[in-house]
C-alpha atoms as a PDB file:
ATOM      1  CA  MET A   1     -11.396   7.457 -12.763  1.00  0.00           C
ATOM      2  CA  HIS A   2     -12.123  10.403 -10.497  1.00  0.00           C
ATOM      3  CA  SER A   3     -11.244  13.891 -11.676  1.00  0.00           C
ATOM      4  CA  MET A   4      -9.992  16.363  -9.082  1.00  0.00           C
ATOM      5  CA  PHE A   5     -12.118  18.982 -10.818  1.00  0.00           C
ATOM      6  CA  ASN A   6     -15.264  17.070  -9.830  1.00  0.00           C
ATOM      7  CA  ILE A   7     -14.382  16.962  -6.135  1.00  0.00           C
ATOM      8  CA  ASP A   8     -14.735  19.866  -3.736  1.00  0.00           C
ATOM      9  CA  LEU A   9     -11.289  20.729  -2.387  1.00  0.00           C
ATOM     10  CA  ASN A  10     -12.855  21.114   1.063  1.00  0.00           C
ATOM     11  CA  LEU A  11     -13.783  17.429   0.967  1.00  0.00           C
ATOM     12  CA  LEU A  12     -10.163  16.489   0.342  1.00  0.00           C
ATOM     13  CA  LYS A  13      -9.159  18.750   3.208  1.00  0.00           C
ATOM     14  CA  LEU A  14     -11.644  16.912   5.447  1.00  0.00           C
ATOM     15  CA  PHE A  15     -10.238  13.577   4.249  1.00  0.00           C
ATOM     16  CA  THR A  16      -6.704  14.661   5.140  1.00  0.00           C
ATOM     17  CA  VAL A  17      -7.613  15.791   8.659  1.00  0.00           C
ATOM     18  CA  LEU A  18      -9.755  12.719   9.363  1.00  0.00           C
ATOM     19  CA  TYR A  19      -6.994  10.440   8.107  1.00  0.00           C
ATOM     20  CA  GLN A  20      -4.581  12.096  10.538  1.00  0.00           C
ATOM     21  CA  ASN A  21      -6.718  12.053  13.691  1.00  0.00           C
ATOM     22  CA  GLY A  22      -9.218   9.222  13.094  1.00  0.00           C
ATOM     23  CA  SER A  23     -12.075  11.121  14.760  1.00  0.00           C
ATOM     24  CA  VAL A  24     -15.089  12.813  13.191  1.00  0.00           C
ATOM     25  CA  SER A  25     -15.576  15.095  16.210  1.00  0.00           C
ATOM     26  CA  GLU A  26     -11.921  16.191  16.264  1.00  0.00           C
ATOM     27  CA  THR A  27     -12.027  16.745  12.513  1.00  0.00           C
ATOM     28  CA  ALA A  28     -15.118  18.910  12.917  1.00  0.00           C
ATOM     29  CA  ASP A  29     -13.369  20.982  15.611  1.00  0.00           C
ATOM     30  CA  THR A  30     -10.228  21.365  13.508  1.00  0.00           C
ATOM     31  CA  LEU A  31     -12.216  22.540  10.505  1.00  0.00           C
ATOM     32  CA  SER A  32     -14.538  24.740  12.603  1.00  0.00           C
ATOM     33  CA  MET A  33     -17.693  22.934  11.520  1.00  0.00           C
ATOM     34  CA  SER A  34     -20.450  21.045  13.303  1.00  0.00           C
ATOM     35  CA  GLN A  35     -20.152  17.290  13.727  1.00  0.00           C
ATOM     36  CA  SER A  36     -23.282  16.724  11.647  1.00  0.00           C
ATOM     37  CA  ALA A  37     -21.897  18.885   8.834  1.00  0.00           C
ATOM     38  CA  CYS A  38     -18.659  16.932   9.013  1.00  0.00           C
ATOM     39  CA  SER A  39     -20.534  13.622   8.799  1.00  0.00           C
ATOM     40  CA  HIS A  40     -22.573  14.925   5.865  1.00  0.00           C
ATOM     41  CA  ALA A  41     -19.417  16.019   4.054  1.00  0.00           C
ATOM     42  CA  LEU A  42     -17.841  12.601   4.631  1.00  0.00           C
ATOM     43  CA  THR A  43     -20.941  10.982   3.137  1.00  0.00           C
ATOM     44  CA  ARG A  44     -20.631  13.180   0.040  1.00  0.00           C
ATOM     45  CA  LEU A  45     -16.981  12.220  -0.385  1.00  0.00           C
ATOM     46  CA  ARG A  46     -17.814   8.519  -0.002  1.00  0.00           C
ATOM     47  CA  GLN A  47     -20.407   8.866  -2.744  1.00  0.00           C
ATOM     48  CA  LYS A  48     -18.016  10.744  -5.001  1.00  0.00           C
ATOM     49  CA  LEU A  49     -15.286   8.135  -4.619  1.00  0.00           C
ATOM     50  CA  ASN A  50     -17.604   5.124  -4.310  1.00  0.00           C
ATOM     51  CA  ASN A  51     -15.759   3.838  -1.259  1.00  0.00           C
ATOM     52  CA  ASP A  52     -16.414   3.762   2.490  1.00  0.00           C
ATOM     53  CA  LEU A  53     -13.014   5.437   3.035  1.00  0.00           C
ATOM     54  CA  PHE A  54     -13.147   4.975   6.844  1.00  0.00           C
ATOM     55  CA  ILE A  55     -14.580   2.161   8.960  1.00  0.00           C
ATOM     56  CA  ARG A  56     -15.456   2.733  12.627  1.00  0.00           C
ATOM     57  CA  ILE A  57     -13.528   0.259  14.795  1.00  0.00           C
ATOM     58  CA  ASP A  58     -13.353   0.709  18.579  1.00  0.00           C
ATOM     59  CA  ASN A  59     -14.559   4.335  18.343  1.00  0.00           C
ATOM     60  CA  LYS A  60     -11.880   5.165  15.807  1.00  0.00           C
ATOM     61  CA  MET A  61     -12.258   5.861  12.099  1.00  0.00           C
ATOM     62  CA  VAL A  62      -9.860   3.445  10.425  1.00  0.00           C
ATOM     63  CA  PRO A  63      -8.928   4.100   6.770  1.00  0.00           C
ATOM     64  CA  THR A  64      -9.756   1.491   4.166  1.00  0.00           C
ATOM     65  CA  GLN A  65      -7.095   0.140   1.841  1.00  0.00           C
ATOM     66  CA  PHE A  66      -8.360   2.563  -0.800  1.00  0.00           C
ATOM     67  CA  SER A  67      -7.958   5.465   1.657  1.00  0.00           C
ATOM     68  CA  GLU A  68      -4.411   4.403   2.456  1.00  0.00           C
ATOM     69  CA  SER A  69      -3.583   4.521  -1.240  1.00  0.00           C
ATOM     70  CA  LEU A  70      -5.425   7.810  -1.687  1.00  0.00           C
ATOM     71  CA  ALA A  71      -3.692   9.415   1.300  1.00  0.00           C
ATOM     72  CA  ALA A  72      -0.262   8.520  -0.060  1.00  0.00           C
ATOM     73  CA  LYS A  73      -1.109  10.477  -3.195  1.00  0.00           C
ATOM     74  CA  ILE A  74      -3.060  13.495  -2.019  1.00  0.00           C
ATOM     75  CA  MET A  75      -1.472  14.348   1.337  1.00  0.00           C
ATOM     76  CA  PRO A  76       1.856  15.486  -0.162  1.00  0.00           C
ATOM     77  CA  ALA A  77      -0.133  17.517  -2.686  1.00  0.00           C
ATOM     78  CA  MET A  78      -2.226  19.086   0.082  1.00  0.00           C
ATOM     79  CA  GLU A  79       0.944  20.033   1.967  1.00  0.00           C
ATOM     80  CA  ILE A  80       2.348  21.696  -1.143  1.00  0.00           C
ATOM     81  CA  LEU A  81      -0.954  23.509  -1.682  1.00  0.00           C
ATOM     82  CA  GLN A  82      -1.007  24.685   1.920  1.00  0.00           C
ATOM     83  CA  LEU A  83       2.558  25.937   1.611  1.00  0.00           C
ATOM     84  CA  GLY A  84       1.726  27.722  -1.621  1.00  0.00           C
ATOM     85  CA  LEU A  85      -1.242  29.503  -0.055  1.00  0.00           C
ATOM     86  CA  GLN A  86       0.721  30.834   2.893  1.00  0.00           C
ATOM     87  CA  PRO A  87       1.304  34.616   2.929  1.00  0.00           C
ATOM     88  CA  ILE A  88       4.417  35.702   1.038  1.00  0.00           C
ATOM     89  CA  GLU A  89       7.266  36.461   3.408  1.00  0.00           C
ATOM     90  CA  GLN A  90       8.521  40.017   3.575  1.00  0.00           C
ATOM     91  CA  PHE A  91      11.830  40.704   1.880  1.00  0.00           C
ATOM     92  CA  ASP A  92      14.767  40.897   4.285  1.00  0.00           C
ATOM     93  CA  PRO A  93      17.489  43.199   2.884  1.00  0.00           C
ATOM     94  CA  ASN A  94      19.920  41.916   5.516  1.00  0.00           C
ATOM     95  CA  THR A  95      20.200  38.529   3.838  1.00  0.00           C
ATOM     96  CA  ASP A  96      22.459  37.596   0.929  1.00  0.00           C
ATOM     97  CA  THR A  97      20.604  38.794  -2.158  1.00  0.00           C
ATOM     98  CA  THR A  98      21.598  39.606  -5.718  1.00  0.00           C
ATOM     99  CA  TYR A  99      19.684  41.977  -7.974  1.00  0.00           C
ATOM    100  CA  ILE A 100      20.267  41.578 -11.694  1.00  0.00           C
ATOM    101  CA  ILE A 101      19.540  44.754 -13.663  1.00  0.00           C
ATOM    102  CA  ALA A 102      19.857  45.223 -17.422  1.00  0.00           C
ATOM    103  CA  VAL A 103      21.228  48.679 -18.227  1.00  0.00           C
ATOM    104  CA  THR A 104      22.811  50.864 -20.862  1.00  0.00           C
ATOM    105  CA  ASP A 105      26.048  52.606 -19.962  1.00  0.00           C
ATOM    106  CA  TYR A 106      24.147  55.832 -19.270  1.00  0.00           C
ATOM    107  CA  THR A 107      21.432  54.317 -17.054  1.00  0.00           C
ATOM    108  CA  ALA A 108      24.144  52.468 -15.115  1.00  0.00           C
ATOM    109  CA  TRP A 109      25.875  55.800 -14.462  1.00  0.00           C
ATOM    110  CA  CYS A 110      22.594  57.331 -13.293  1.00  0.00           C
ATOM    111  CA  LEU A 111      22.063  54.471 -10.821  1.00  0.00           C
ATOM    112  CA  LYS A 112      25.300  55.259  -8.998  1.00  0.00           C
ATOM    113  CA  PRO A 113      23.663  57.077  -6.004  1.00  0.00           C
ATOM    114  CA  LEU A 114      21.335  54.124  -5.459  1.00  0.00           C
ATOM    115  CA  ILE A 115      24.144  51.577  -5.686  1.00  0.00           C
ATOM    116  CA  GLU A 116      26.240  53.557  -3.197  1.00  0.00           C
ATOM    117  CA  TYR A 117      23.310  53.836  -0.781  1.00  0.00           C
ATOM    118  CA  ILE A 118      22.574  50.109  -0.889  1.00  0.00           C
ATOM    119  CA  HIS A 119      26.258  49.234  -0.491  1.00  0.00           C
ATOM    120  CA  GLN A 120      26.485  51.490   2.565  1.00  0.00           C
ATOM    121  CA  HIS A 121      23.261  50.464   4.313  1.00  0.00           C
ATOM    122  CA  TYR A 122      22.700  46.903   3.068  1.00  0.00           C
ATOM    123  CA  PRO A 123      26.152  45.375   2.463  1.00  0.00           C
ATOM    124  CA  ARG A 124      24.764  41.861   1.986  1.00  0.00           C
ATOM    125  CA  ILE A 125      22.943  42.941  -1.163  1.00  0.00           C
ATOM    126  CA  SER A 126      24.895  42.590  -4.389  1.00  0.00           C
ATOM    127  CA  ILE A 127      23.953  44.413  -7.582  1.00  0.00           C
ATOM    128  CA  ARG A 128      24.849  42.818 -10.896  1.00  0.00           C
ATOM    129  CA  LEU A 129      24.534  45.074 -13.925  1.00  0.00           C
ATOM    130  CA  ILE A 130      24.285  43.415 -17.319  1.00  0.00           C
ATOM    131  CA  SER A 131      24.073  44.883 -20.801  1.00  0.00           C
ATOM    132  CA  LEU A 132      20.584  45.806 -22.009  1.00  0.00           C
ATOM    133  CA  GLU A 133      20.690  43.930 -25.297  1.00  0.00           C
ATOM    134  CA  GLN A 134      17.183  44.869 -26.417  1.00  0.00           C
ATOM    135  CA  ARG A 135      14.761  47.665 -25.649  1.00  0.00           C
ATOM    136  CA  ILE A 136      12.673  45.603 -23.229  1.00  0.00           C
ATOM    137  CA  PRO A 137      13.788  42.018 -22.417  1.00  0.00           C
ATOM    138  CA  GLU A 138      10.241  40.855 -21.607  1.00  0.00           C
ATOM    139  CA  GLU A 139      10.925  37.127 -21.400  1.00  0.00           C
ATOM    140  CA  GLN A 140      13.912  37.545 -19.074  1.00  0.00           C
ATOM    141  CA  LEU A 141      11.902  39.849 -16.821  1.00  0.00           C
ATOM    142  CA  LYS A 142       9.002  37.394 -16.761  1.00  0.00           C
ATOM    143  CA  THR A 143      11.103  34.346 -15.889  1.00  0.00           C
ATOM    144  CA  GLY A 144      13.169  36.199 -13.283  1.00  0.00           C
ATOM    145  CA  GLN A 145      16.452  35.831 -15.161  1.00  0.00           C
ATOM    146  CA  ILE A 146      16.730  39.556 -14.543  1.00  0.00           C
ATOM    147  CA  ASP A 147      14.897  41.592 -11.925  1.00  0.00           C
ATOM    148  CA  PHE A 148      14.743  44.933 -13.716  1.00  0.00           C
ATOM    149  CA  ALA A 149      15.661  46.778 -16.871  1.00  0.00           C
ATOM    150  CA  CYS A 150      16.578  50.464 -16.802  1.00  0.00           C
ATOM    151  CA  GLY A 151      15.761  52.493 -19.861  1.00  0.00           C
ATOM    152  CA  PHE A 152      13.978  55.445 -21.401  1.00  0.00           C
ATOM    153  CA  ALA A 153      10.202  55.857 -21.280  1.00  0.00           C
ATOM    154  CA  HIS A 154       9.665  55.272 -24.993  1.00  0.00           C
ATOM    155  CA  GLN A 155      11.257  51.809 -24.866  1.00  0.00           C
ATOM    156  CA  ALA A 156       8.080  50.094 -23.600  1.00  0.00           C
ATOM    157  CA  GLU A 157       5.479  52.088 -25.520  1.00  0.00           C
ATOM    158  CA  HIS A 158       3.845  49.011 -27.046  1.00  0.00           C
ATOM    159  CA  SER A 159       4.266  46.512 -24.222  1.00  0.00           C
ATOM    160  CA  GLN A 160       1.207  45.448 -22.216  1.00  0.00           C
ATOM    161  CA  SER A 161       3.057  43.136 -19.826  1.00  0.00           C
ATOM    162  CA  ILE A 162       5.704  45.547 -18.535  1.00  0.00           C
ATOM    163  CA  SER A 163       5.377  47.992 -15.654  1.00  0.00           C
ATOM    164  CA  GLY A 164       7.577  51.098 -15.574  1.00  0.00           C
ATOM    165  CA  LEU A 165       8.498  53.232 -12.552  1.00  0.00           C
ATOM    166  CA  THR A 166       9.689  56.735 -13.466  1.00  0.00           C
ATOM    167  CA  TRP A 167      12.706  57.640 -11.351  1.00  0.00           C
ATOM    168  CA  LEU A 168      14.502  60.424 -13.202  1.00  0.00           C
ATOM    169  CA  THR A 169      13.389  63.218 -15.539  1.00  0.00           C
ATOM    170  CA  ASP A 170      15.879  65.479 -17.285  1.00  0.00           C
ATOM    171  CA  SER A 171      16.477  67.637 -20.349  1.00  0.00           C
ATOM    172  CA  TYR A 172      18.940  67.563 -23.227  1.00  0.00           C
ATOM    173  CA  VAL A 173      21.797  69.954 -24.028  1.00  0.00           C
ATOM    174  CA  SER A 174      24.374  70.092 -26.794  1.00  0.00           C
ATOM    175  CA  LEU A 175      28.119  69.663 -26.308  1.00  0.00           C
ATOM    176  CA  LEU A 176      30.963  70.790 -28.538  1.00  0.00           C
ATOM    177  CA  SER A 177      34.709  71.251 -28.356  1.00  0.00           C
ATOM    178  CA  SER A 178      36.046  74.436 -26.782  1.00  0.00           C
ATOM    179  CA  GLN A 179      37.812  75.087 -30.132  1.00  0.00           C
ATOM    180  CA  HIS A 180      34.569  74.801 -32.071  1.00  0.00           C
ATOM    181  CA  PRO A 181      33.573  77.963 -34.034  1.00  0.00           C
ATOM    182  CA  LEU A 182      30.225  77.965 -32.177  1.00  0.00           C
ATOM    183  CA  ALA A 183      31.836  77.671 -28.735  1.00  0.00           C
ATOM    184  CA  ALA A 184      32.022  81.427 -28.141  1.00  0.00           C
ATOM    185  CA  LYS A 185      28.422  82.088 -29.142  1.00  0.00           C
ATOM    186  CA  LYS A 186      25.854  82.694 -26.407  1.00  0.00           C
ATOM    187  CA  THR A 187      23.128  81.024 -28.426  1.00  0.00           C
ATOM    188  CA  ILE A 188      23.114  79.029 -31.609  1.00  0.00           C
ATOM    189  CA  SER A 189      20.548  79.071 -34.392  1.00  0.00           C
ATOM    190  CA  ILE A 190      19.029  76.133 -36.219  1.00  0.00           C
ATOM    191  CA  GLN A 191      21.210  77.019 -39.188  1.00  0.00           C
ATOM    192  CA  ASP A 192      24.303  76.968 -36.951  1.00  0.00           C
ATOM    193  CA  PHE A 193      23.148  73.625 -35.622  1.00  0.00           C
ATOM    194  CA  ILE A 194      22.847  71.943 -39.011  1.00  0.00           C
ATOM    195  CA  ASP A 195      25.942  73.557 -40.525  1.00  0.00           C
ATOM    196  CA  TYR A 196      28.104  71.103 -38.565  1.00  0.00           C
ATOM    197  CA  GLN A 197      28.155  67.332 -38.339  1.00  0.00           C
ATOM    198  CA  HIS A 198      26.748  65.488 -35.338  1.00  0.00           C
ATOM    199  CA  ILE A 199      27.228  62.417 -33.187  1.00  0.00           C
ATOM    200  CA  LEU A 200      24.174  60.163 -32.787  1.00  0.00           C
ATOM    201  CA  ILE A 201      23.888  57.933 -29.725  1.00  0.00           C
ATOM    202  CA  ALA A 202      21.965  54.827 -30.819  1.00  0.00           C
ATOM    203  CA  PRO A 203      21.977  51.963 -28.283  1.00  0.00           C
ATOM    204  CA  TRP A 204      19.989  49.710 -30.647  1.00  0.00           C
ATOM    205  CA  ASN A 205      21.395  50.925 -33.963  1.00  0.00           C
ATOM    206  CA  GLU A 206      18.603  53.416 -34.567  1.00  0.00           C
ATOM    207  CA  GLY A 207      18.914  55.528 -37.688  1.00  0.00           C
ATOM    208  CA  ARG A 208      17.736  58.676 -35.941  1.00  0.00           C
ATOM    209  CA  GLY A 209      17.164  60.032 -32.459  1.00  0.00           C
ATOM    210  CA  VAL A 210      15.168  62.638 -30.558  1.00  0.00           C
ATOM    211  CA  VAL A 211      17.121  65.476 -32.201  1.00  0.00           C
ATOM    212  CA  ASP A 212      16.230  64.258 -35.679  1.00  0.00           C
ATOM    213  CA  LYS A 213      12.554  63.983 -34.740  1.00  0.00           C
ATOM    214  CA  ALA A 214      12.638  67.568 -33.467  1.00  0.00           C
ATOM    215  CA  LEU A 215      14.404  68.831 -36.601  1.00  0.00           C
ATOM    216  CA  VAL A 216      11.753  67.266 -38.839  1.00  0.00           C
ATOM    217  CA  LYS A 217       9.254  69.780 -37.426  1.00  0.00           C
ATOM    218  CA  HIS A 218      11.470  72.517 -38.907  1.00  0.00           C
ATOM    219  CA  ASN A 219      11.812  70.646 -42.211  1.00  0.00           C
ATOM    220  CA  VAL A 220      15.566  70.285 -41.831  1.00  0.00           C
ATOM    221  CA  LEU A 221      17.972  67.372 -41.437  1.00  0.00           C
ATOM    222  CA  ARG A 222      21.356  67.083 -39.765  1.00  0.00           C
ATOM    223  CA  ASP A 223      24.457  65.344 -41.036  1.00  0.00           C
ATOM    224  CA  ILE A 224      25.545  62.421 -38.844  1.00  0.00           C
ATOM    225  CA  ALA A 225      29.323  61.969 -38.749  1.00  0.00           C
ATOM    226  CA  LEU A 226      29.393  59.218 -36.131  1.00  0.00           C
ATOM    227  CA  THR A 227      26.830  56.800 -34.710  1.00  0.00           C
ATOM    228  CA  THR A 228      27.707  55.054 -31.454  1.00  0.00           C
ATOM    229  CA  PRO A 229      25.791  52.904 -28.956  1.00  0.00           C
ATOM    230  CA  TYR A 230      27.854  54.283 -26.071  1.00  0.00           C
ATOM    231  CA  GLY A 231      26.599  57.470 -24.462  1.00  0.00           C
ATOM    232  CA  LEU A 232      29.331  57.783 -21.845  1.00  0.00           C
ATOM    233  CA  THR A 233      32.227  57.694 -24.297  1.00  0.00           C
ATOM    234  CA  ALA A 234      30.569  59.904 -26.921  1.00  0.00           C
ATOM    235  CA  PRO A 235      31.813  63.221 -25.398  1.00  0.00           C
ATOM    236  CA  PHE A 236      35.412  62.032 -25.767  1.00  0.00           C
ATOM    237  CA  MET A 237      34.832  61.892 -29.524  1.00  0.00           C
ATOM    238  CA  LEU A 238      34.230  65.651 -29.594  1.00  0.00           C
ATOM    239  CA  VAL A 239      37.771  66.575 -28.623  1.00  0.00           C
ATOM    240  CA  ASP A 240      39.613  68.190 -31.561  1.00  0.00           C
ATOM    241  CA  THR A 241      36.567  67.898 -33.856  1.00  0.00           C
ATOM    242  CA  LEU A 242      33.876  70.249 -35.138  1.00  0.00           C
ATOM    243  CA  TRP A 243      31.102  67.818 -34.285  1.00  0.00           C
ATOM    244  CA  ILE A 244      28.086  68.482 -32.049  1.00  0.00           C
ATOM    245  CA  LEU A 245      26.694  66.002 -29.531  1.00  0.00           C
ATOM    246  CA  THR A 246      23.260  66.316 -27.920  1.00  0.00           C
ATOM    247  CA  LEU A 247      22.770  64.235 -24.793  1.00  0.00           C
ATOM    248  CA  PRO A 248      21.196  64.279 -21.289  1.00  0.00           C
ATOM    249  CA  GLN A 249      22.286  67.391 -19.425  1.00  0.00           C
ATOM    250  CA  LYS A 250      23.283  65.610 -16.204  1.00  0.00           C
ATOM    251  CA  TYR A 251      26.040  63.691 -17.916  1.00  0.00           C
ATOM    252  CA  ALA A 252      26.803  66.570 -20.291  1.00  0.00           C
ATOM    253  CA  HIS A 253      27.765  68.842 -17.376  1.00  0.00           C
ATOM    254  CA  TYR A 254      29.943  66.105 -15.909  1.00  0.00           C
ATOM    255  CA  ALA A 255      31.685  65.461 -19.236  1.00  0.00           C
ATOM    256  CA  ALA A 256      32.086  69.168 -19.998  1.00  0.00           C
ATOM    257  CA  THR A 257      33.974  69.670 -16.734  1.00  0.00           C
ATOM    258  CA  LYS A 258      36.249  66.695 -17.319  1.00  0.00           C
ATOM    259  CA  LEU A 259      36.986  67.400 -20.988  1.00  0.00           C
ATOM    260  CA  ALA A 260      36.770  71.214 -21.143  1.00  0.00           C
ATOM    261  CA  LEU A 261      33.806  71.084 -23.514  1.00  0.00           C
ATOM    262  CA  LYS A 262      31.245  73.809 -24.135  1.00  0.00           C
ATOM    263  CA  ILE A 263      27.530  73.450 -23.423  1.00  0.00           C
ATOM    264  CA  HIS A 264      24.791  75.044 -25.519  1.00  0.00           C
ATOM    265  CA  GLN A 265      21.027  74.862 -25.354  1.00  0.00           C
ATOM    266  CA  PRO A 266      19.759  73.206 -28.548  1.00  0.00           C
ATOM    267  CA  PRO A 267      18.019  75.670 -30.888  1.00  0.00           C
ATOM    268  CA  ILE A 268      15.045  73.305 -31.125  1.00  0.00           C
ATOM    269  CA  THR A 269      12.526  72.062 -28.593  1.00  0.00           C
ATOM    270  CA  ILE A 270      13.388  68.547 -27.450  1.00  0.00           C
ATOM    271  CA  PRO A 271      10.986  66.961 -24.936  1.00  0.00           C
ATOM    272  CA  ASN A 272      12.443  66.013 -21.564  1.00  0.00           C
ATOM    273  CA  TYR A 273      13.252  62.355 -21.218  1.00  0.00           C
ATOM    274  CA  GLN A 274      12.239  60.007 -18.411  1.00  0.00           C
ATOM    275  CA  LEU A 275      14.222  57.074 -17.106  1.00  0.00           C
ATOM    276  CA  LYS A 276      12.134  54.130 -15.994  1.00  0.00           C
ATOM    277  CA  LEU A 277      12.745  51.029 -13.934  1.00  0.00           C
ATOM    278  CA  TYR A 278      11.008  48.257 -15.867  1.00  0.00           C
ATOM    279  CA  SER A 279       9.721  45.032 -14.327  1.00  0.00           C
ATOM    280  CA  HIS A 280       7.231  42.388 -15.420  1.00  0.00           C
ATOM    281  CA  LYS A 281       3.659  42.864 -14.219  1.00  0.00           C
ATOM    282  CA  THR A 282       3.531  39.269 -12.968  1.00  0.00           C
ATOM    283  CA  ARG A 283       6.222  40.167 -10.407  1.00  0.00           C
ATOM    284  CA  GLN A 284       4.694  43.406  -9.116  1.00  0.00           C
ATOM    285  CA  GLN A 285       3.726  41.760  -5.801  1.00  0.00           C
ATOM    286  CA  ASP A 286       7.151  40.153  -5.336  1.00  0.00           C
ATOM    287  CA  PRO A 287       8.561  41.567  -2.044  1.00  0.00           C
ATOM    288  CA  LYS A 288      12.047  41.645  -3.559  1.00  0.00           C
ATOM    289  CA  VAL A 289      10.824  43.815  -6.434  1.00  0.00           C
ATOM    290  CA  ILE A 290       8.743  46.045  -4.153  1.00  0.00           C
ATOM    291  CA  TRP A 291      11.645  46.686  -1.762  1.00  0.00           C
ATOM    292  CA  PHE A 292      14.053  47.747  -4.499  1.00  0.00           C
ATOM    293  CA  SER A 293      11.450  49.987  -6.140  1.00  0.00           C
ATOM    294  CA  ASP A 294      10.750  51.696  -2.818  1.00  0.00           C
ATOM    295  CA  ILE A 295      14.457  52.331  -2.204  1.00  0.00           C
ATOM    296  CA  LEU A 296      14.834  53.742  -5.709  1.00  0.00           C
ATOM    297  CA  LYS A 297      11.953  56.176  -5.130  1.00  0.00           C
ATOM    298  CA  LYS A 298      13.405  57.173  -1.774  1.00  0.00           C
ATOM    299  CA  ILE A 299      16.849  57.949  -3.187  1.00  0.00           C
ATOM    300  CA  PHE A 300      15.757  59.871  -6.254  1.00  0.00           C
ATOM    301  CA  ASN A 301      12.910  61.730  -4.559  1.00  0.00           C
ATOM    302  CA  ASN A 302      15.423  63.073  -2.042  1.00  0.00           C
ATOM    303  CA  SER A 303      18.153  63.812  -4.560  1.00  0.00           C
ATOM    304  CA  SER A 304      18.697  66.131  -7.475  1.00  0.00           C
ATOM    305  CA  GLY A 305      20.231  63.207  -9.323  1.00  0.00           C
ATOM    306  CA  VAL A 306      23.728  62.301 -10.372  1.00  0.00           C
END
């Protein structure tokens, strides 16, 4: 039995061309090699396979019965190989295409300018947003079940197979009801901050968030009245309560306007957050992935955000 690993692929390429045209000289021309080199290569293949492969009859190289059997097996494989080695076609945004993106409610809201731009300029592209059920859905990204996941920078801290494109950076502010005792204050102290109960946004049922990590540096804790996975509905929970909610300032300003809430700067230092577009590293050269990433950078580099 002959192993493909013991045979030079170039020899199989020569076999395929010679089988098709029946001429050593034409085969040499097709493969851009000298006729003597072509003859030498054919000799090597004959020795490898222990068969004459082609017999010269009336100035034509006629395949042996073994070659006929071999050709039936390897020529389809060579065609597939040739197809696989062709350059990847560029992505055409004017064809029917669907992007599947895993998001939280907040990252979906932040993507709105991009979705509107694509809908306006590339109407044949459909965007399907699905719930981000885990921090980084690596397997789904790898297999192409989803194209991207949108999340915060810390979500992929320990992943070696995921690539993240930063597309939005923002700070946090605190929201409270306009009837809250702290509403009239210009600034609030750490003591003010911990005197009242808080809402914690925890998409994956975390026990603490960025506020709690910042408070630890001051050796204080806050009292959590409500934990919710939904960032967009959390401000509604503040109405008629004495709770405090700390969340990204872009959405906080939007919610404050709609619900007549008050905005305060937190009395602690909370690092800015980054939103990232996550994809699997094995798909980084995929034209579909590249195109979307480029559009995302274009929109958010030219915009102040949502």
